[in-house]
Amino acid sequence: MLDYLLSFLILTGAIFIFIGSLGLVRLKDFYTRLHGPTKATTLGVGCLLIASTVYFSTRNTGLSLHEILITFFLFITAPVSAHMLAKAALHIEISSLAKIPKDKVSEGKNKKTEVVEQADKQEVNPPSTKAVKTDA
């Protein structure tokens, strides 16, 4: 019975990992590619680690906590890293296949043109060599 449970967890984990890897390769946009490793692969590795925990807990004396800690840290860090990658992509304005609503496009253009106009108003003159005093 235990062998069937372990086989089910390993096969389920392998299927999730395969689907996550396939999504990483096949999807066309950075934002959609981000879902492959963070969603499906996290579940796949989680299933494999749970199978490892069950196997080593039944074969050895005592509960195997190493895999439980790895699973916990994986489930905590994967969404945080995906969120940070998405924020960085938004910050450097990586294009997306999703259409941006027209009201958001007009707001973004107004803010950018205001910044450009303010930069044009501020004249930047580097100091000339005559204006620089030396103490020598």
N, C-alpha and C. Protein backbone atom coordinates (compact mmCIF):
# COMPACT_ATOMS: atom_id res chain seq x y z
N MET A 1 0.82 -1.20 0.00
CA MET A 1 0.00 0.00 0.00
C MET A 1 0.86 1.26 0.00
N LEU A 2 1.95 1.21 0.79
CA LEU A 2 2.85 2.35 0.86
C LEU A 2 3.53 2.60 -0.49
N ASP A 3 3.84 1.50 -1.19
CA ASP A 3 4.46 1.64 -2.51
C ASP A 3 3.54 2.35 -3.49
N TYR A 4 2.26 2.09 -3.42
CA TYR A 4 1.31 2.76 -4.31
C TYR A 4 1.22 4.26 -4.01
N LEU A 5 1.23 4.60 -2.73
CA LEU A 5 1.20 6.01 -2.34
C LEU A 5 2.46 6.73 -2.83
N LEU A 6 3.61 6.11 -2.63
CA LEU A 6 4.86 6.72 -3.08
C LEU A 6 4.90 6.84 -4.60
N SER A 7 4.43 5.82 -5.28
CA SER A 7 4.40 5.86 -6.76
C SER A 7 3.47 6.97 -7.24
N PHE A 8 2.33 7.11 -6.59
CA PHE A 8 1.40 8.17 -6.96
C PHE A 8 2.02 9.55 -6.75
N LEU A 9 2.66 9.76 -5.63
CA LEU A 9 3.28 11.06 -5.34
C LEU A 9 4.42 11.35 -6.31
N ILE A 10 5.23 10.36 -6.63
CA ILE A 10 6.34 10.58 -7.55
C ILE A 10 5.83 10.86 -8.96
N LEU A 11 4.84 10.09 -9.42
CA LEU A 11 4.29 10.34 -10.76
C LEU A 11 3.59 11.69 -10.84
N THR A 12 2.86 12.05 -9.80
CA THR A 12 2.19 13.35 -9.78
C THR A 12 3.21 14.48 -9.79
N GLY A 13 4.26 14.34 -9.01
CA GLY A 13 5.31 15.34 -8.99
C GLY A 13 6.00 15.46 -10.34
N ALA A 14 6.28 14.33 -10.96
CA ALA A 14 6.94 14.35 -12.27
C ALA A 14 6.05 15.00 -13.33
N ILE A 15 4.76 14.75 -13.27
CA ILE A 15 3.83 15.36 -14.24
C ILE A 15 3.77 16.87 -14.03
N PHE A 16 3.69 17.31 -12.78
CA PHE A 16 3.67 18.75 -12.51
C PHE A 16 4.97 19.43 -12.97
N ILE A 17 6.10 18.79 -12.71
CA ILE A 17 7.37 19.36 -13.13
C ILE A 17 7.45 19.43 -14.65
N PHE A 18 6.98 18.39 -15.33
CA PHE A 18 6.99 18.39 -16.79
C PHE A 18 6.09 19.49 -17.35
N ILE A 19 4.91 19.65 -16.78
CA ILE A 19 4.00 20.69 -17.25
C ILE A 19 4.59 22.08 -17.00
N GLY A 20 5.22 22.29 -15.85
CA GLY A 20 5.86 23.57 -15.56
C GLY A 20 7.00 23.86 -16.51
N SER A 21 7.81 22.86 -16.81
CA SER A 21 8.92 23.04 -17.74
C SER A 21 8.42 23.28 -19.16
N LEU A 22 7.38 22.57 -19.53
CA LEU A 22 6.78 22.77 -20.85
C LEU A 22 6.20 24.17 -20.99
N GLY A 23 5.57 24.66 -19.92
CA GLY A 23 5.04 26.02 -19.93
C GLY A 23 6.13 27.06 -20.04
N LEU A 24 7.28 26.80 -19.42
CA LEU A 24 8.40 27.72 -19.51
C LEU A 24 8.93 27.81 -20.93
N VAL A 25 8.92 26.70 -21.62
CA VAL A 25 9.45 26.67 -23.00
C VAL A 25 8.42 27.18 -24.01
N ARG A 26 7.17 26.80 -23.86
CA ARG A 26 6.18 27.05 -24.90
C ARG A 26 5.49 28.41 -24.83
N LEU A 27 5.36 28.99 -23.65
CA LEU A 27 4.64 30.25 -23.54
C LEU A 27 5.47 31.38 -24.13
N LYS A 28 4.80 32.39 -24.67
CA LYS A 28 5.46 33.40 -25.48
C LYS A 28 5.84 34.68 -24.75
N ASP A 29 5.27 34.92 -23.61
CA ASP A 29 5.45 36.18 -22.91
C ASP A 29 6.18 35.95 -21.59
N PHE A 30 6.96 36.94 -21.15
CA PHE A 30 7.68 36.80 -19.88
C PHE A 30 6.73 36.57 -18.72
N TYR A 31 5.65 37.31 -18.70
CA TYR A 31 4.71 37.23 -17.57
C TYR A 31 4.00 35.88 -17.54
N THR A 32 3.68 35.33 -18.70
CA THR A 32 3.05 34.01 -18.70
C THR A 32 4.08 32.91 -18.46
N ARG A 33 5.31 33.12 -18.89
CA ARG A 33 6.36 32.14 -18.61
C ARG A 33 6.67 32.06 -17.12
N LEU A 34 6.40 33.10 -16.42
CA LEU A 34 6.68 33.14 -15.00
C LEU A 34 5.81 32.14 -14.22
N HIS A 35 4.65 31.81 -14.76
CA HIS A 35 3.74 30.89 -14.07
C HIS A 35 4.23 29.45 -14.10
N GLY A 36 4.94 29.06 -15.17
CA GLY A 36 5.40 27.68 -15.28
C GLY A 36 6.24 27.22 -14.11
N PRO A 37 7.37 27.88 -13.86
CA PRO A 37 8.19 27.43 -12.74
C PRO A 37 7.61 27.72 -11.37
N THR A 38 6.82 28.77 -11.25
CA THR A 38 6.36 29.13 -9.90
C THR A 38 5.13 28.35 -9.46
N LYS A 39 4.31 27.96 -10.37
CA LYS A 39 3.09 27.26 -9.97
C LYS A 39 3.25 25.74 -10.07
N ALA A 40 3.37 25.25 -11.29
CA ALA A 40 3.35 23.80 -11.49
C ALA A 40 4.61 23.13 -10.95
N THR A 41 5.75 23.73 -11.17
CA THR A 41 6.98 23.10 -10.72
C THR A 41 7.07 23.09 -9.19
N THR A 42 6.55 24.11 -8.55
CA THR A 42 6.53 24.12 -7.08
C THR A 42 5.69 22.97 -6.55
N LEU A 43 4.55 22.73 -7.17
CA LEU A 43 3.72 21.59 -6.74
C LEU A 43 4.41 20.27 -7.02
N GLY A 44 5.12 20.19 -8.14
CA GLY A 44 5.83 18.96 -8.48
C GLY A 44 6.94 18.63 -7.50
N VAL A 45 7.75 19.62 -7.20
CA VAL A 45 8.84 19.40 -6.23
C VAL A 45 8.25 19.13 -4.85
N GLY A 46 7.14 19.78 -4.52
CA GLY A 46 6.47 19.51 -3.25
C GLY A 46 6.02 18.06 -3.14
N CYS A 47 5.45 17.53 -4.22
CA CYS A 47 5.02 16.12 -4.21
C CYS A 47 6.21 15.18 -4.05
N LEU A 48 7.31 15.47 -4.75
CA LEU A 48 8.50 14.62 -4.63
C LEU A 48 9.09 14.68 -3.22
N LEU A 49 9.09 15.85 -2.62
CA LEU A 49 9.62 15.96 -1.27
C LEU A 49 8.73 15.28 -0.24
N ILE A 50 7.42 15.33 -0.45
CA ILE A 50 6.51 14.62 0.45
C ILE A 50 6.70 13.11 0.32
N ALA A 51 6.90 12.64 -0.92
CA ALA A 51 7.18 11.21 -1.13
C ALA A 51 8.48 10.81 -0.44
N SER A 52 9.48 11.67 -0.52
CA SER A 52 10.76 11.39 0.15
C SER A 52 10.59 11.37 1.66
N THR A 53 9.79 12.27 2.19
CA THR A 53 9.53 12.30 3.63
C THR A 53 8.85 11.02 4.09
N VAL A 54 7.84 10.60 3.36
CA VAL A 54 7.11 9.38 3.72
C VAL A 54 8.04 8.17 3.64
N TYR A 55 8.83 8.09 2.59
CA TYR A 55 9.73 6.94 2.42
C TYR A 55 10.76 6.85 3.53
N PHE A 56 11.47 7.94 3.79
CA PHE A 56 12.52 7.88 4.79
C PHE A 56 11.98 7.85 6.21
N SER A 57 10.77 8.32 6.44
CA SER A 57 10.18 8.22 7.77
C SER A 57 9.75 6.79 8.09
N THR A 58 9.35 6.05 7.08
CA THR A 58 8.93 4.66 7.33
C THR A 58 10.12 3.70 7.33
N ARG A 59 11.19 4.01 6.63
CA ARG A 59 12.36 3.12 6.56
C ARG A 59 13.30 3.30 7.75
N ASN A 60 13.43 4.51 8.23
CA ASN A 60 14.33 4.78 9.35
C ASN A 60 13.53 4.93 10.63
N THR A 61 14.25 5.10 11.71
CA THR A 61 13.56 5.34 12.98
C THR A 61 13.33 6.83 13.14
N GLY A 62 12.12 7.24 13.21
CA GLY A 62 11.80 8.65 13.42
C GLY A 62 11.33 9.35 12.16
N LEU A 63 10.90 10.57 12.38
CA LEU A 63 10.35 11.40 11.31
C LEU A 63 11.47 12.15 10.60
N SER A 64 11.43 12.16 9.28
CA SER A 64 12.43 12.87 8.49
C SER A 64 11.97 14.31 8.29
N LEU A 65 12.63 15.25 8.95
CA LEU A 65 12.21 16.65 8.91
C LEU A 65 12.93 17.47 7.84
N HIS A 66 13.98 16.95 7.27
CA HIS A 66 14.73 17.70 6.26
C HIS A 66 13.86 18.07 5.07
N GLU A 67 13.12 17.11 4.57
CA GLU A 67 12.28 17.34 3.40
C GLU A 67 11.11 18.28 3.73
N ILE A 68 10.60 18.18 4.94
CA ILE A 68 9.50 19.06 5.34
C ILE A 68 9.99 20.51 5.38
N LEU A 69 11.19 20.74 5.88
CA LEU A 69 11.75 22.09 5.91
C LEU A 69 12.01 22.61 4.49
N ILE A 70 12.53 21.75 3.62
CA ILE A 70 12.77 22.15 2.23
C ILE A 70 11.46 22.52 1.56
N THR A 71 10.41 21.72 1.78
CA THR A 71 9.10 22.00 1.20
C THR A 71 8.55 23.32 1.72
N PHE A 72 8.69 23.56 3.02
CA PHE A 72 8.21 24.80 3.62
C PHE A 72 8.92 26.01 3.00
N PHE A 73 10.24 25.96 2.91
CA PHE A 73 10.99 27.09 2.34
C PHE A 73 10.70 27.26 0.86
N LEU A 74 10.48 26.17 0.16
CA LEU A 74 10.13 26.25 -1.26
C LEU A 74 8.78 26.95 -1.44
N PHE A 75 7.80 26.58 -0.66
CA PHE A 75 6.48 27.19 -0.79
C PHE A 75 6.47 28.65 -0.33
N ILE A 76 7.39 29.03 0.52
CA ILE A 76 7.49 30.42 0.96
C ILE A 76 8.25 31.27 -0.06
N THR A 77 9.36 30.77 -0.56
CA THR A 77 10.23 31.59 -1.41
C THR A 77 9.81 31.66 -2.86
N ALA A 78 9.15 30.65 -3.40
CA ALA A 78 8.78 30.66 -4.82
C ALA A 78 7.79 31.80 -5.15
N PRO A 79 6.73 32.02 -4.40
CA PRO A 79 5.85 33.14 -4.73
C PRO A 79 6.51 34.50 -4.54
N VAL A 80 7.37 34.61 -3.54
CA VAL A 80 8.05 35.89 -3.31
C VAL A 80 9.00 36.21 -4.46
N SER A 81 9.76 35.21 -4.90
CA SER A 81 10.67 35.45 -6.01
C SER A 81 9.92 35.75 -7.30
N ALA A 82 8.80 35.08 -7.53
CA ALA A 82 7.99 35.37 -8.72
C ALA A 82 7.44 36.79 -8.67
N HIS A 83 7.02 37.21 -7.50
CA HIS A 83 6.50 38.57 -7.35
C HIS A 83 7.59 39.60 -7.62
N MET A 84 8.79 39.35 -7.11
CA MET A 84 9.89 40.28 -7.33
C MET A 84 10.30 40.32 -8.80
N LEU A 85 10.29 39.18 -9.48
CA LEU A 85 10.60 39.16 -10.91
C LEU A 85 9.56 39.93 -11.71
N ALA A 86 8.29 39.77 -11.35
CA ALA A 86 7.23 40.49 -12.05
C ALA A 86 7.34 41.99 -11.81
N LYS A 87 7.64 42.40 -10.57
CA LYS A 87 7.80 43.83 -10.29
C LYS A 87 8.99 44.42 -11.04
N ALA A 88 10.07 43.67 -11.12
CA ALA A 88 11.24 44.15 -11.86
C ALA A 88 10.92 44.27 -13.35
N ALA A 89 10.16 43.32 -13.88
CA ALA A 89 9.77 43.38 -15.29
C ALA A 89 8.85 44.56 -15.56
N LEU A 90 7.95 44.85 -14.63
CA LEU A 90 7.10 46.02 -14.78
C LEU A 90 7.90 47.31 -14.68
N HIS A 91 8.90 47.31 -13.81
CA HIS A 91 9.72 48.51 -13.62
C HIS A 91 10.53 48.84 -14.86
N ILE A 92 11.07 47.83 -15.52
CA ILE A 92 11.86 48.10 -16.73
C ILE A 92 10.99 48.04 -17.99
N GLU A 93 9.68 47.93 -17.78
CA GLU A 93 8.67 48.01 -18.83
C GLU A 93 8.85 46.97 -19.93
N ILE A 94 8.93 45.70 -19.52
CA ILE A 94 8.94 44.61 -20.49
C ILE A 94 7.54 44.49 -21.06
N SER A 95 7.45 44.40 -22.37
CA SER A 95 6.14 44.37 -23.01
C SER A 95 5.43 43.05 -22.73
N SER A 96 4.12 43.13 -22.77
CA SER A 96 3.28 41.97 -22.50
C SER A 96 2.35 41.73 -23.67
N LEU A 97 1.88 40.50 -23.81
CA LEU A 97 0.90 40.19 -24.84
C LEU A 97 -0.49 40.68 -24.46
N ALA A 98 -0.71 40.92 -23.19
CA ALA A 98 -2.01 41.40 -22.72
C ALA A 98 -2.18 42.87 -23.12
N LYS A 99 -3.37 43.22 -23.50
CA LYS A 99 -3.68 44.59 -23.88
C LYS A 99 -3.83 45.45 -22.63
N ILE A 100 -3.24 46.63 -22.67
CA ILE A 100 -3.38 47.58 -21.57
C ILE A 100 -4.64 48.39 -21.82
N PRO A 101 -5.49 48.59 -20.80
CA PRO A 101 -6.69 49.41 -20.99
C PRO A 101 -6.34 50.82 -21.46
N LYS A 102 -7.20 51.39 -22.30
CA LYS A 102 -6.91 52.70 -22.91
C LYS A 102 -6.79 53.81 -21.87
N ASP A 103 -7.56 53.75 -20.80
CA ASP A 103 -7.47 54.79 -19.79
C ASP A 103 -6.12 54.75 -19.07
N LYS A 104 -5.53 53.58 -18.94
CA LYS A 104 -4.22 53.48 -18.31
C LYS A 104 -3.12 53.96 -19.25
N VAL A 105 -3.30 53.75 -20.54
CA VAL A 105 -2.30 54.20 -21.51
C VAL A 105 -2.22 55.72 -21.53
N SER A 106 -3.37 56.39 -21.52
CA SER A 106 -3.36 57.85 -21.56
C SER A 106 -2.76 58.44 -20.29
N GLU A 107 -3.02 57.81 -19.13
CA GLU A 107 -2.42 58.29 -17.88
C GLU A 107 -0.91 58.13 -17.91
N GLY A 108 -0.43 57.00 -18.42
CA GLY A 108 1.00 56.77 -18.48
C GLY A 108 1.70 57.75 -19.40
N LYS A 109 1.08 58.07 -20.52
CA LYS A 109 1.71 59.00 -21.46
C LYS A 109 1.76 60.41 -20.87
N ASN A 110 0.72 60.81 -20.16
CA ASN A 110 0.72 62.14 -19.54
C ASN A 110 1.83 62.27 -18.51
N LYS A 111 2.03 61.25 -17.71
CA LYS A 111 3.08 61.30 -16.70
C LYS A 111 4.45 61.35 -17.35
N LYS A 112 4.65 60.58 -18.40
CA LYS A 112 5.95 60.57 -19.07
C LYS A 112 6.22 61.90 -19.75
N THR A 113 5.21 62.47 -20.38
CA THR A 113 5.45 63.75 -21.06
C THR A 113 5.70 64.86 -20.05
N GLU A 114 5.05 64.79 -18.87
CA GLU A 114 5.32 65.78 -17.84
C GLU A 114 6.77 65.70 -17.37
N VAL A 115 7.28 64.50 -17.20
CA VAL A 115 8.66 64.33 -16.75
C VAL A 115 9.62 64.85 -17.79
N VAL A 116 9.35 64.57 -19.07
CA VAL A 116 10.21 65.05 -20.15
C VAL A 116 10.18 66.56 -20.22
N GLU A 117 8.99 67.17 -20.08
CA GLU A 117 8.88 68.63 -20.13
C GLU A 117 9.63 69.26 -18.96
N GLN A 118 9.55 68.66 -17.77
CA GLN A 118 10.27 69.21 -16.62
C GLN A 118 11.77 69.09 -16.82
N ALA A 119 12.21 68.02 -17.44
CA ALA A 119 13.64 67.85 -17.69
C ALA A 119 14.13 68.86 -18.72
N ASP A 120 13.27 69.19 -19.70
CA ASP A 120 13.66 70.18 -20.70
C ASP A 120 13.74 71.58 -20.09
N LYS A 121 12.89 71.87 -19.11
CA LYS A 121 12.90 73.19 -18.49
C LYS A 121 14.15 73.41 -17.65
N GLN A 122 14.61 72.34 -17.02
CA GLN A 122 15.81 72.46 -16.19
C GLN A 122 17.03 72.34 -17.10
N GLU A 123 17.71 73.42 -17.26
CA GLU A 123 18.88 73.41 -18.12
C GLU A 123 20.08 72.95 -17.32
N VAL A 124 20.74 71.98 -17.84
CA VAL A 124 21.88 71.43 -17.13
C VAL A 124 23.14 71.95 -17.80
N ASN A 125 23.91 72.76 -17.08
CA ASN A 125 25.17 73.29 -17.60
C ASN A 125 26.31 72.77 -16.74
N PRO A 126 27.15 71.95 -17.30
CA PRO A 126 28.29 71.49 -16.52
C PRO A 126 29.26 72.66 -16.31
N PRO A 127 29.94 72.67 -15.21
CA PRO A 127 30.87 73.78 -14.96
C PRO A 127 32.00 73.78 -15.99
N SER A 128 32.34 74.94 -16.42
CA SER A 128 33.43 75.04 -17.39
C SER A 128 34.76 74.99 -16.65
N THR A 129 35.82 74.83 -17.39
CA THR A 129 37.13 74.75 -16.75
C THR A 129 37.56 76.09 -16.19
N LYS A 130 37.01 77.17 -16.70
CA LYS A 130 37.36 78.50 -16.19
C LYS A 130 36.72 78.76 -14.83
N ALA A 131 35.53 78.20 -14.61
CA ALA A 131 34.81 78.46 -13.38
C ALA A 131 35.33 77.63 -12.22
N VAL A 132 36.08 76.59 -12.49
CA VAL A 132 36.58 75.72 -11.43
C VAL A 132 37.83 76.33 -10.84
N LYS A 133 37.83 76.54 -9.54
CA LYS A 133 39.00 77.10 -8.86
C LYS A 133 39.81 76.00 -8.25
N THR A 134 41.06 76.10 -8.34
CA THR A 134 41.94 75.13 -7.71
C THR A 134 42.73 75.83 -6.62
N ASP A 135 43.05 75.11 -5.58
CA ASP A 135 43.78 75.66 -4.45
C ASP A 135 45.29 75.56 -4.64
N ALA A 136 45.75 75.03 -5.71
CA ALA A 136 47.18 74.82 -5.91
C ALA A 136 47.94 76.07 -6.21
